[in-house]
Amino acid sequence: MPVSQGFMPIEQGVIMGSATVYYSRKVVIGCIGMHNSLSEGHYGLFLFD
């Protein structure tokens, strides 16, 4: 994503930061859920929703 002269507008930075945190949490929760499910012999892919 091109950023003009290394400067990112505050609004865009906030939106991207929020999205990054949101998806990171979902991935972490999904991985933890899948790990727990695999430990029990089940596949927890549905937890990635």
N, C-alpha and C. Protein backbone atom coordinates (compact mmCIF):
# COMPACT_ATOMS: atom_id res chain seq x y z
N MET A 1 0.85 -1.20 0.00
CA MET A 1 0.00 0.00 0.00
C MET A 1 0.89 1.24 0.00
N PRO A 2 0.79 2.08 -1.02
CA PRO A 2 1.67 3.25 -1.10
C PRO A 2 1.31 4.29 -0.06
N VAL A 3 2.33 4.78 0.64
CA VAL A 3 2.12 5.84 1.62
C VAL A 3 2.97 7.03 1.19
N SER A 4 2.35 8.18 1.00
CA SER A 4 3.05 9.33 0.45
C SER A 4 4.10 9.85 1.42
N GLN A 5 5.35 9.78 1.02
CA GLN A 5 6.48 10.33 1.77
C GLN A 5 6.53 9.79 3.20
N GLY A 6 6.12 8.54 3.38
CA GLY A 6 6.20 7.93 4.70
C GLY A 6 5.20 8.47 5.69
N PHE A 7 4.22 9.24 5.21
CA PHE A 7 3.22 9.82 6.11
C PHE A 7 1.88 9.15 5.88
N MET A 8 1.24 8.73 6.96
CA MET A 8 -0.07 8.09 6.85
C MET A 8 -1.08 8.96 7.61
N PRO A 9 -2.20 9.28 6.98
CA PRO A 9 -3.23 10.07 7.68
C PRO A 9 -3.68 9.38 8.96
N ILE A 10 -4.02 10.19 9.95
CA ILE A 10 -4.42 9.64 11.25
C ILE A 10 -5.61 8.69 11.09
N GLU A 11 -6.61 9.11 10.31
CA GLU A 11 -7.80 8.27 10.17
C GLU A 11 -7.44 6.91 9.59
N GLN A 12 -6.60 6.92 8.53
CA GLN A 12 -6.23 5.65 7.90
C GLN A 12 -5.43 4.80 8.88
N GLY A 13 -4.55 5.44 9.65
CA GLY A 13 -3.75 4.71 10.62
C GLY A 13 -4.62 4.05 11.69
N VAL A 14 -5.62 4.80 12.16
CA VAL A 14 -6.51 4.25 13.18
C VAL A 14 -7.30 3.07 12.63
N ILE A 15 -7.82 3.24 11.40
CA ILE A 15 -8.62 2.17 10.80
C ILE A 15 -7.76 0.92 10.59
N MET A 16 -6.56 1.11 10.04
CA MET A 16 -5.69 -0.04 9.80
C MET A 16 -5.25 -0.68 11.11
N GLY A 17 -4.96 0.16 12.11
CA GLY A 17 -4.55 -0.37 13.41
C GLY A 17 -5.67 -1.18 14.05
N SER A 18 -6.89 -0.65 13.98
CA SER A 18 -8.03 -1.36 14.56
C SER A 18 -8.26 -2.69 13.84
N ALA A 19 -8.16 -2.66 12.51
CA ALA A 19 -8.36 -3.89 11.74
C ALA A 19 -7.28 -4.90 12.07
N THR A 20 -6.04 -4.43 12.21
CA THR A 20 -4.94 -5.35 12.53
C THR A 20 -5.17 -6.00 13.88
N VAL A 21 -5.53 -5.20 14.87
CA VAL A 21 -5.79 -5.75 16.21
C VAL A 21 -6.95 -6.73 16.17
N TYR A 22 -8.02 -6.34 15.45
CA TYR A 22 -9.22 -7.18 15.37
C TYR A 22 -8.90 -8.54 14.76
N TYR A 23 -8.23 -8.54 13.61
CA TYR A 23 -7.93 -9.81 12.94
C TYR A 23 -6.88 -10.60 13.71
N SER A 24 -5.92 -9.91 14.34
CA SER A 24 -4.91 -10.61 15.14
C SER A 24 -5.59 -11.36 16.28
N ARG A 25 -6.55 -10.71 16.94
CA ARG A 25 -7.25 -11.37 18.03
C ARG A 25 -8.02 -12.57 17.52
N LYS A 26 -8.69 -12.41 16.37
CA LYS A 26 -9.46 -13.54 15.83
C LYS A 26 -8.54 -14.71 15.50
N VAL A 27 -7.37 -14.41 14.93
CA VAL A 27 -6.44 -15.48 14.57
C VAL A 27 -5.91 -16.16 15.82
N VAL A 28 -5.55 -15.36 16.83
CA VAL A 28 -5.02 -15.93 18.07
C VAL A 28 -6.09 -16.80 18.74
N ILE A 29 -7.31 -16.28 18.84
CA ILE A 29 -8.39 -17.05 19.45
C ILE A 29 -8.65 -18.32 18.66
N GLY A 30 -8.63 -18.21 17.33
CA GLY A 30 -8.84 -19.38 16.48
C GLY A 30 -7.75 -20.42 16.69
N CYS A 31 -6.50 -19.96 16.77
CA CYS A 31 -5.39 -20.90 16.96
C CYS A 31 -5.49 -21.58 18.32
N ILE A 32 -5.82 -20.81 19.35
CA ILE A 32 -5.97 -21.40 20.68
C ILE A 32 -7.11 -22.41 20.67
N GLY A 33 -8.22 -22.04 20.05
CA GLY A 33 -9.36 -22.95 19.98
C GLY A 33 -9.01 -24.21 19.22
N MET A 34 -8.30 -24.07 18.10
CA MET A 34 -7.93 -25.24 17.31
C MET A 34 -6.96 -26.10 18.10
N HIS A 35 -6.02 -25.50 18.79
CA HIS A 35 -5.05 -26.26 19.59
C HIS A 35 -5.78 -27.06 20.67
N ASN A 36 -6.72 -26.41 21.36
CA ASN A 36 -7.47 -27.10 22.40
C ASN A 36 -8.29 -28.24 21.81
N SER A 37 -8.90 -28.00 20.65
CA SER A 37 -9.72 -29.03 20.02
C SER A 37 -8.85 -30.19 19.55
N LEU A 38 -7.68 -29.89 18.96
CA LEU A 38 -6.79 -30.96 18.51
C LEU A 38 -6.30 -31.77 19.70
N SER A 39 -6.10 -31.11 20.83
CA SER A 39 -5.66 -31.82 22.02
C SER A 39 -6.71 -32.84 22.45
N GLU A 40 -7.96 -32.54 22.14
CA GLU A 40 -9.06 -33.43 22.50
C GLU A 40 -9.40 -34.39 21.37
N GLY A 41 -8.64 -34.32 20.27
CA GLY A 41 -8.87 -35.23 19.16
C GLY A 41 -9.91 -34.73 18.18
N HIS A 42 -10.25 -33.45 18.25
CA HIS A 42 -11.22 -32.88 17.32
C HIS A 42 -10.55 -31.79 16.50
N TYR A 43 -11.14 -31.45 15.37
CA TYR A 43 -10.63 -30.37 14.55
C TYR A 43 -11.45 -29.11 14.80
N GLY A 44 -10.79 -28.04 15.19
CA GLY A 44 -11.48 -26.82 15.57
C GLY A 44 -11.46 -25.75 14.51
N LEU A 45 -11.47 -26.15 13.23
CA LEU A 45 -11.40 -25.15 12.17
C LEU A 45 -12.60 -24.21 12.21
N PHE A 46 -13.71 -24.69 12.73
CA PHE A 46 -14.90 -23.85 12.77
C PHE A 46 -14.69 -22.64 13.69
N LEU A 47 -13.69 -22.71 14.55
CA LEU A 47 -13.43 -21.61 15.47
C LEU A 47 -12.77 -20.42 14.78
N PHE A 48 -12.38 -20.60 13.49
CA PHE A 48 -11.77 -19.50 12.77
C PHE A 48 -12.80 -18.54 12.20
N ASP A 49 -14.08 -18.81 12.43
CA ASP A 49 -15.12 -17.96 11.86
C ASP A 49 -14.98 -16.52 12.40
